[in-house]
PDB file of N, CA and C in Angstrom:
ATOM      1  N   UNK A   1     -33.801 -51.624  25.674  1.00  0.00           N
ATOM      2  CA  UNK A   1     -32.796 -52.616  26.329  1.00  0.00           C
ATOM      3  C   UNK A   1     -31.422 -51.943  27.104  1.00  0.00           C
ATOM      4  N   UNK A   2     -31.394 -52.964  28.125  1.00  0.00           N
ATOM      5  CA  UNK A   2     -29.926 -52.386  28.888  1.00  0.00           C
ATOM      6  C   UNK A   2     -28.669 -52.456  28.344  1.00  0.00           C
ATOM      7  N   UNK A   3     -27.812 -51.453  28.450  1.00  0.00           N
ATOM      8  CA  UNK A   3     -26.823 -51.584  27.986  1.00  0.00           C
ATOM      9  C   UNK A   3     -25.828 -52.460  28.181  1.00  0.00           C
ATOM     10  N   UNK A   4     -24.848 -53.187  27.232  1.00  0.00           N
ATOM     11  CA  UNK A   4     -23.546 -54.211  27.571  1.00  0.00           C
ATOM     12  C   UNK A   4     -22.522 -52.908  29.283  1.00  0.00           C
ATOM     13  N   UNK A   5     -22.649 -51.916  28.764  1.00  0.00           N
ATOM     14  CA  UNK A   5     -21.841 -51.502  29.698  1.00  0.00           C
ATOM     15  C   UNK A   5     -22.321 -51.295  31.279  1.00  0.00           C
ATOM     16  N   UNK A   6     -23.518 -51.035  30.869  1.00  0.00           N
ATOM     17  CA  UNK A   6     -24.240 -50.982  32.221  1.00  0.00           C
ATOM     18  C   UNK A   6     -24.077 -52.344  32.947  1.00  0.00           C
ATOM     19  N   UNK A   7     -24.836 -53.396  32.134  1.00  0.00           N
ATOM     20  CA  UNK A   7     -24.499 -54.998  32.840  1.00  0.00           C
ATOM     21  C   UNK A   7     -23.403 -55.239  33.502  1.00  0.00           C
ATOM     22  N   UNK A   8     -22.095 -54.953  32.304  1.00  0.00           N
ATOM     23  CA  UNK A   8     -20.869 -55.446  32.927  1.00  0.00           C
ATOM     24  C   UNK A   8     -20.674 -54.623  33.897  1.00  0.00           C
ATOM     25  N   UNK A   9     -20.693 -53.291  34.232  1.00  0.00           N
ATOM     26  CA  UNK A   9     -20.281 -53.337  35.474  1.00  0.00           C
ATOM     27  C   UNK A   9     -21.152 -53.541  36.043  1.00  0.00           C
ATOM     28  N   UNK A  10     -22.709 -54.224  36.127  1.00  0.00           N
ATOM     29  CA  UNK A  10     -23.081 -54.433  37.517  1.00  0.00           C
ATOM     30  C   UNK A  10     -22.272 -55.972  38.268  1.00  0.00           C
ATOM     31  N   UNK A  11     -22.117 -56.932  37.115  1.00  0.00           N
ATOM     32  CA  UNK A  11     -21.555 -57.789  36.894  1.00  0.00           C
ATOM     33  C   UNK A  11     -20.061 -57.857  37.814  1.00  0.00           C
ATOM     34  N   UNK A  12     -19.251 -56.580  37.512  1.00  0.00           N
ATOM     35  CA  UNK A  12     -17.990 -56.669  37.731  1.00  0.00           C
ATOM     36  C   UNK A  12     -18.567 -56.610  39.491  1.00  0.00           C
ATOM     37  N   UNK A  13     -19.158 -55.873  39.524  1.00  0.00           N
ATOM     38  CA  UNK A  13     -19.467 -54.587  40.623  1.00  0.00           C
ATOM     39  C   UNK A  13     -19.453 -56.016  42.074  1.00  0.00           C
ATOM     40  N   UNK A  14     -20.494 -56.387  41.119  1.00  0.00           N
ATOM     41  CA  UNK A  14     -21.063 -58.067  41.922  1.00  0.00           C
ATOM     42  C   UNK A  14     -20.005 -59.004  42.403  1.00  0.00           C
ATOM     43  N   UNK A  15     -19.164 -59.143  41.621  1.00  0.00           N
ATOM     44  CA  UNK A  15     -18.002 -60.101  41.951  1.00  0.00           C
ATOM     45  C   UNK A  15     -16.892 -59.553  42.885  1.00  0.00           C
ATOM     46  N   UNK A  16     -16.488 -58.014  42.936  1.00  0.00           N
ATOM     47  CA  UNK A  16     -15.345 -57.471  43.295  1.00  0.00           C
ATOM     48  C   UNK A  16     -15.809 -56.451  44.539  1.00  0.00           C
ATOM     49  N   UNK A  17     -17.377 -56.146  44.815  1.00  0.00           N
ATOM     50  CA  UNK A  17     -17.476 -55.529  45.771  1.00  0.00           C
ATOM     51  C   UNK A  17     -17.204 -53.844  45.172  1.00  0.00           C
ATOM     52  N   UNK A  18     -16.565 -53.870  44.672  1.00  0.00           N
ATOM     53  CA  UNK A  18     -16.016 -52.383  43.974  1.00  0.00           C
ATOM     54  C   UNK A  18     -16.714 -52.101  42.742  1.00  0.00           C
ATOM     55  N   UNK A  19     -17.219 -50.716  42.177  1.00  0.00           N
ATOM     56  CA  UNK A  19     -17.627 -50.123  41.184  1.00  0.00           C
ATOM     57  C   UNK A  19     -16.645 -49.694  40.364  1.00  0.00           C
ATOM     58  N   UNK A  20     -16.468 -50.856  39.423  1.00  0.00           N
ATOM     59  CA  UNK A  20     -15.559 -50.211  38.462  1.00  0.00           C
ATOM     60  C   UNK A  20     -15.957 -49.123  37.230  1.00  0.00           C
ATOM     61  N   UNK A  21     -14.396 -48.619  36.449  1.00  0.00           N
ATOM     62  CA  UNK A  21     -15.051 -47.341  35.474  1.00  0.00           C
ATOM     63  C   UNK A  21     -14.644 -48.017  33.995  1.00  0.00           C
ATOM     64  N   UNK A  22     -15.129 -47.847  33.367  1.00  0.00           N
ATOM     65  CA  UNK A  22     -14.727 -47.971  32.122  1.00  0.00           C
ATOM     66  C   UNK A  22     -13.743 -48.233  31.400  1.00  0.00           C
ATOM     67  N   UNK A  23     -12.679 -47.107  32.337  1.00  0.00           N
ATOM     68  CA  UNK A  23     -11.127 -47.120  31.540  1.00  0.00           C
ATOM     69  C   UNK A  23     -10.021 -47.995  32.541  1.00  0.00           C
ATOM     70  N   UNK A  24     -10.983 -48.745  33.778  1.00  0.00           N
ATOM     71  CA  UNK A  24     -10.074 -49.581  34.544  1.00  0.00           C
ATOM     72  C   UNK A  24      -9.659 -50.769  33.570  1.00  0.00           C
ATOM     73  N   UNK A  25      -8.178 -51.175  34.438  1.00  0.00           N
ATOM     74  CA  UNK A  25      -7.952 -52.569  33.807  1.00  0.00           C
ATOM     75  C   UNK A  25      -8.477 -53.244  34.877  1.00  0.00           C
ATOM     76  N   UNK A  26      -7.925 -54.603  34.129  1.00  0.00           N
ATOM     77  CA  UNK A  26      -8.298 -55.812  35.304  1.00  0.00           C
ATOM     78  C   UNK A  26      -7.324 -55.928  36.281  1.00  0.00           C
ATOM     79  N   UNK A  27      -6.258 -55.600  35.730  1.00  0.00           N
ATOM     80  CA  UNK A  27      -4.957 -55.406  36.331  1.00  0.00           C
ATOM     81  C   UNK A  27      -5.817 -54.338  38.341  1.00  0.00           C
ATOM     82  N   UNK A  28      -5.877 -53.688  37.543  1.00  0.00           N
ATOM     83  CA  UNK A  28      -6.548 -52.440  38.796  1.00  0.00           C
ATOM     84  C   UNK A  28      -7.191 -52.888  40.198  1.00  0.00           C
ATOM     85  N   UNK A  29      -8.411 -54.053  39.358  1.00  0.00           N
ATOM     86  CA  UNK A  29      -9.600 -54.618  39.782  1.00  0.00           C
ATOM     87  C   UNK A  29      -9.242 -55.633  41.284  1.00  0.00           C
ATOM     88  N   UNK A  30      -9.714 -55.445  42.164  1.00  0.00           N
ATOM     89  CA  UNK A  30      -9.187 -56.679  42.922  1.00  0.00           C
ATOM     90  C   UNK A  30     -10.334 -58.294  42.457  1.00  0.00           C
ATOM     91  N   UNK A  31      -9.850 -58.734  41.955  1.00  0.00           N
ATOM     92  CA  UNK A  31     -10.224 -60.109  40.779  1.00  0.00           C
ATOM     93  C   UNK A  31      -9.575 -60.887  40.518  1.00  0.00           C
ATOM     94  N   UNK A  32      -9.282 -62.053  41.090  1.00  0.00           N
ATOM     95  CA  UNK A  32      -8.488 -63.162  41.068  1.00  0.00           C
ATOM     96  C   UNK A  32      -9.304 -64.230  39.646  1.00  0.00           C
ATOM     97  N   UNK A  33      -7.804 -64.639  39.555  1.00  0.00           N
ATOM     98  CA  UNK A  33      -8.574 -65.649  38.077  1.00  0.00           C
ATOM     99  C   UNK A  33      -9.680 -66.593  38.195  1.00  0.00           C
ATOM    100  N   UNK A  34      -9.953 -67.011  39.674  1.00  0.00           N
ATOM    101  CA  UNK A  34     -11.127 -68.038  39.813  1.00  0.00           C
ATOM    102  C   UNK A  34     -12.586 -66.780  39.793  1.00  0.00           C
ATOM    103  N   UNK A  35     -12.339 -65.649  39.836  1.00  0.00           N
ATOM    104  CA  UNK A  35     -13.564 -64.722  40.026  1.00  0.00           C
ATOM    105  C   UNK A  35     -13.742 -64.618  38.387  1.00  0.00           C
ATOM    106  N   UNK A  36     -12.435 -64.276  37.800  1.00  0.00           N
ATOM    107  CA  UNK A  36     -12.772 -63.901  36.385  1.00  0.00           C
ATOM    108  C   UNK A  36     -13.061 -65.115  35.676  1.00  0.00           C
ATOM    109  N   UNK A  37     -12.658 -66.287  35.779  1.00  0.00           N
ATOM    110  CA  UNK A  37     -13.493 -67.477  35.220  1.00  0.00           C
ATOM    111  C   UNK A  37     -15.272 -67.520  35.635  1.00  0.00           C
ATOM    112  N   UNK A  38     -15.626 -67.242  36.887  1.00  0.00           N
ATOM    113  CA  UNK A  38     -16.629 -66.996  36.972  1.00  0.00           C
ATOM    114  C   UNK A  38     -17.470 -65.657  36.212  1.00  0.00           C
ATOM    115  N   UNK A  39     -16.376 -65.273  36.476  1.00  0.00           N
ATOM    116  CA  UNK A  39     -16.943 -63.886  35.677  1.00  0.00           C
ATOM    117  C   UNK A  39     -17.517 -64.299  33.571  1.00  0.00           C
ATOM    118  N   UNK A  40     -16.817 -64.954  33.052  1.00  0.00           N
ATOM    119  CA  UNK A  40     -16.991 -65.844  32.075  1.00  0.00           C
ATOM    120  C   UNK A  40     -18.020 -66.005  31.616  1.00  0.00           C
ATOM    121  N   UNK A  41     -18.329 -66.974  32.656  1.00  0.00           N
ATOM    122  CA  UNK A  41     -19.683 -67.739  32.494  1.00  0.00           C
ATOM    123  C   UNK A  41     -20.792 -66.884  32.808  1.00  0.00           C
ATOM    124  N   UNK A  42     -20.717 -65.755  33.725  1.00  0.00           N
ATOM    125  CA  UNK A  42     -22.008 -65.017  33.637  1.00  0.00           C
ATOM    126  C   UNK A  42     -21.980 -64.321  32.496  1.00  0.00           C
ATOM    127  N   UNK A  43     -20.940 -64.258  31.726  1.00  0.00           N
ATOM    128  CA  UNK A  43     -21.112 -63.312  30.806  1.00  0.00           C
ATOM    129  C   UNK A  43     -22.047 -63.971  29.500  1.00  0.00           C
ATOM    130  N   UNK A  44     -21.664 -65.118  29.486  1.00  0.00           N
ATOM    131  CA  UNK A  44     -21.793 -66.112  28.460  1.00  0.00           C
ATOM    132  C   UNK A  44     -23.243 -66.401  28.259  1.00  0.00           C
ATOM    133  N   UNK A  45     -23.898 -66.509  29.888  1.00  0.00           N
ATOM    134  CA  UNK A  45     -25.145 -66.666  30.246  1.00  0.00           C
ATOM    135  C   UNK A  45     -25.746 -65.390  29.995  1.00  0.00           C
ATOM    136  N   UNK A  46     -25.641 -64.272  30.572  1.00  0.00           N
ATOM    137  CA  UNK A  46     -26.183 -63.103  30.540  1.00  0.00           C
ATOM    138  C   UNK A  46     -26.638 -62.306  28.968  1.00  0.00           C
ATOM    139  N   UNK A  47     -24.789 -62.608  28.419  1.00  0.00           N
ATOM    140  CA  UNK A  47     -25.203 -61.854  26.654  1.00  0.00           C
ATOM    141  C   UNK A  47     -25.464 -62.927  25.973  1.00  0.00           C
ATOM    142  N   UNK A  48     -25.650 -64.243  26.036  1.00  0.00           N
ATOM    143  CA  UNK A  48     -25.989 -65.374  25.034  1.00  0.00           C
ATOM    144  C   UNK A  48     -24.987 -65.430  24.155  1.00  0.00           C
ATOM    145  N   UNK A  49     -23.748 -65.003  24.593  1.00  0.00           N
ATOM    146  CA  UNK A  49     -22.485 -65.280  23.554  1.00  0.00           C
ATOM    147  C   UNK A  49     -21.858 -66.180  23.965  1.00  0.00           C
ATOM    148  N   UNK A  50     -20.753 -66.776  23.346  1.00  0.00           N
ATOM    149  CA  UNK A  50     -19.591 -67.590  23.554  1.00  0.00           C
ATOM    150  C   UNK A  50     -18.495 -66.946  23.598  1.00  0.00           C
ATOM    151  N   UNK A  51     -17.528 -67.199  24.651  1.00  0.00           N
ATOM    152  CA  UNK A  51     -16.562 -66.541  25.162  1.00  0.00           C
ATOM    153  C   UNK A  51     -15.593 -66.918  24.871  1.00  0.00           C
ATOM    154  N   UNK A  52     -14.305 -66.592  23.789  1.00  0.00           N
ATOM    155  CA  UNK A  52     -13.442 -67.454  23.064  1.00  0.00           C
ATOM    156  C   UNK A  52     -11.869 -67.092  24.357  1.00  0.00           C
ATOM    157  N   UNK A  53     -10.894 -67.794  23.662  1.00  0.00           N
ATOM    158  CA  UNK A  53      -9.798 -67.908  23.986  1.00  0.00           C
ATOM    159  C   UNK A  53      -9.084 -66.364  24.174  1.00  0.00           C
ATOM    160  N   UNK A  54      -9.211 -65.593  22.674  1.00  0.00           N
ATOM    161  CA  UNK A  54      -9.159 -64.554  22.569  1.00  0.00           C
ATOM    162  C   UNK A  54      -9.801 -62.971  23.586  1.00  0.00           C
ATOM    163  N   UNK A  55     -10.274 -63.539  24.642  1.00  0.00           N
ATOM    164  CA  UNK A  55     -10.581 -62.768  25.628  1.00  0.00           C
ATOM    165  C   UNK A  55      -9.359 -62.327  26.774  1.00  0.00           C
ATOM    166  N   UNK A  56      -8.856 -63.572  26.645  1.00  0.00           N
ATOM    167  CA  UNK A  56      -7.309 -63.141  27.247  1.00  0.00           C
ATOM    168  C   UNK A  56      -6.087 -62.244  27.000  1.00  0.00           C
ATOM    169  N   UNK A  57      -7.076 -60.997  25.495  1.00  0.00           N
ATOM    170  CA  UNK A  57      -6.353 -60.420  25.162  1.00  0.00           C
ATOM    171  C   UNK A  57      -6.836 -59.062  26.039  1.00  0.00           C
ATOM    172  N   UNK A  58      -7.581 -59.096  26.528  1.00  0.00           N
ATOM    173  CA  UNK A  58      -8.506 -58.123  26.953  1.00  0.00           C
ATOM    174  C   UNK A  58      -7.982 -57.273  28.413  1.00  0.00           C
ATOM    175  N   UNK A  59      -7.712 -56.646  28.579  1.00  0.00           N
ATOM    176  CA  UNK A  59      -6.948 -55.901  29.065  1.00  0.00           C
ATOM    177  C   UNK A  59      -7.763 -55.138  29.795  1.00  0.00           C
ATOM    178  N   UNK A  60      -8.939 -54.111  29.645  1.00  0.00           N
ATOM    179  CA  UNK A  60      -9.680 -53.522  30.440  1.00  0.00           C
ATOM    180  C   UNK A  60     -11.252 -53.607  29.977  1.00  0.00           C
ATOM    181  N   UNK A  61     -11.861 -52.570  30.734  1.00  0.00           N
ATOM    182  CA  UNK A  61     -13.068 -52.873  31.004  1.00  0.00           C
ATOM    183  C   UNK A  61     -13.761 -52.269  29.646  1.00  0.00           C
ATOM    184  N   UNK A  62     -13.625 -51.435  29.450  1.00  0.00           N
ATOM    185  CA  UNK A  62     -13.609 -50.813  27.861  1.00  0.00           C
ATOM    186  C   UNK A  62     -13.545 -51.830  26.547  1.00  0.00           C
ATOM    187  N   UNK A  63     -12.670 -52.375  26.878  1.00  0.00           N
ATOM    188  CA  UNK A  63     -11.791 -53.366  25.747  1.00  0.00           C
ATOM    189  C   UNK A  63     -13.118 -54.315  25.850  1.00  0.00           C
ATOM    190  N   UNK A  64     -13.259 -54.963  27.030  1.00  0.00           N
ATOM    191  CA  UNK A  64     -14.875 -56.131  27.168  1.00  0.00           C
ATOM    192  C   UNK A  64     -15.816 -55.385  26.633  1.00  0.00           C
ATOM    193  N   UNK A  65     -15.824 -54.765  26.578  1.00  0.00           N
ATOM    194  CA  UNK A  65     -16.905 -54.265  26.152  1.00  0.00           C
ATOM    195  C   UNK A  65     -17.393 -54.340  24.645  1.00  0.00           C
ATOM    196  N   UNK A  66     -16.291 -53.659  24.167  1.00  0.00           N
ATOM    197  CA  UNK A  66     -16.027 -53.760  22.628  1.00  0.00           C
ATOM    198  C   UNK A  66     -16.241 -55.185  22.677  1.00  0.00           C
ATOM    199  N   UNK A  67     -15.429 -55.998  22.750  1.00  0.00           N
ATOM    200  CA  UNK A  67     -15.675 -57.618  22.669  1.00  0.00           C
ATOM    201  C   UNK A  67     -16.886 -58.388  22.840  1.00  0.00           C
ATOM    202  N   UNK A  68     -17.777 -58.123  23.604  1.00  0.00           N
ATOM    203  CA  UNK A  68     -18.803 -58.781  23.955  1.00  0.00           C
ATOM    204  C   UNK A  68     -19.922 -58.201  22.644  1.00  0.00           C
ATOM    205  N   UNK A  69     -19.893 -56.755  22.547  1.00  0.00           N
ATOM    206  CA  UNK A  69     -20.476 -55.724  21.651  1.00  0.00           C
ATOM    207  C   UNK A  69     -20.116 -57.062  20.120  1.00  0.00           C
ATOM    208  N   UNK A  70     -18.564 -56.905  19.783  1.00  0.00           N
ATOM    209  CA  UNK A  70     -18.454 -58.050  18.609  1.00  0.00           C
ATOM    210  C   UNK A  70     -19.160 -59.432  18.783  1.00  0.00           C
ATOM    211  N   UNK A  71     -18.715 -59.755  19.746  1.00  0.00           N
ATOM    212  CA  UNK A  71     -19.597 -61.478  20.119  1.00  0.00           C
ATOM    213  C   UNK A  71     -21.085 -61.328  19.668  1.00  0.00           C
ATOM    214  N   UNK A  72     -21.764 -60.108  19.861  1.00  0.00           N
ATOM    215  CA  UNK A  72     -22.818 -60.230  20.172  1.00  0.00           C
ATOM    216  C   UNK A  72     -23.602 -59.968  18.730  1.00  0.00           C
ATOM    217  N   UNK A  73     -22.877 -59.241  18.179  1.00  0.00           N
ATOM    218  CA  UNK A  73     -23.219 -59.050  16.687  1.00  0.00           C
ATOM    219  C   UNK A  73     -22.944 -59.958  15.803  1.00  0.00           C
ATOM    220  N   UNK A  74     -21.788 -60.633  15.935  1.00  0.00           N
ATOM    221  CA  UNK A  74     -22.017 -62.140  15.109  1.00  0.00           C
ATOM    222  C   UNK A  74     -22.697 -62.757  15.458  1.00  0.00           C
ATOM    223  N   UNK A  75     -23.333 -63.080  16.490  1.00  0.00           N
ATOM    224  CA  UNK A  75     -24.661 -64.105  17.024  1.00  0.00           C
ATOM    225  C   UNK A  75     -25.558 -63.457  16.389  1.00  0.00           C
ATOM    226  N   UNK A  76     -25.788 -62.356  16.130  1.00  0.00           N
ATOM    227  CA  UNK A  76     -27.010 -61.966  15.360  1.00  0.00           C
ATOM    228  C   UNK A  76     -27.023 -62.341  13.879  1.00  0.00           C
ATOM    229  N   UNK A  77     -25.681 -62.287  13.032  1.00  0.00           N
ATOM    230  CA  UNK A  77     -25.840 -61.981  11.791  1.00  0.00           C
ATOM    231  C   UNK A  77     -25.462 -63.687  11.350  1.00  0.00           C
ATOM    232  N   UNK A  78     -25.368 -64.642  12.331  1.00  0.00           N
ATOM    233  CA  UNK A  78     -25.691 -66.340  12.288  1.00  0.00           C
ATOM    234  C   UNK A  78     -26.739 -66.722  12.417  1.00  0.00           C
ATOM    235  N   UNK A  79     -27.418 -66.063  13.054  1.00  0.00           N
ATOM    236  CA  UNK A  79     -28.787 -66.791  13.488  1.00  0.00           C
ATOM    237  C   UNK A  79     -30.059 -66.500  12.873  1.00  0.00           C
TER     238      UNK A  79
END
């Protein structure tokens, strides 16, 4: 199984052209609101989760990884 971290970093790199690090904040990356919206859709499709409005509280790659993992765990419990 491919890790959430590796897959997410690949998705962000494809959007921005920059290989992000786990500790990076979204503010430090060249990603605008449109690219972030597109990334959200890709995250939902790739990881099979629903991204809620609470994702707006996420400020770093590490926090987004944890968010995705929590959402995936919640999906596993309900299926």
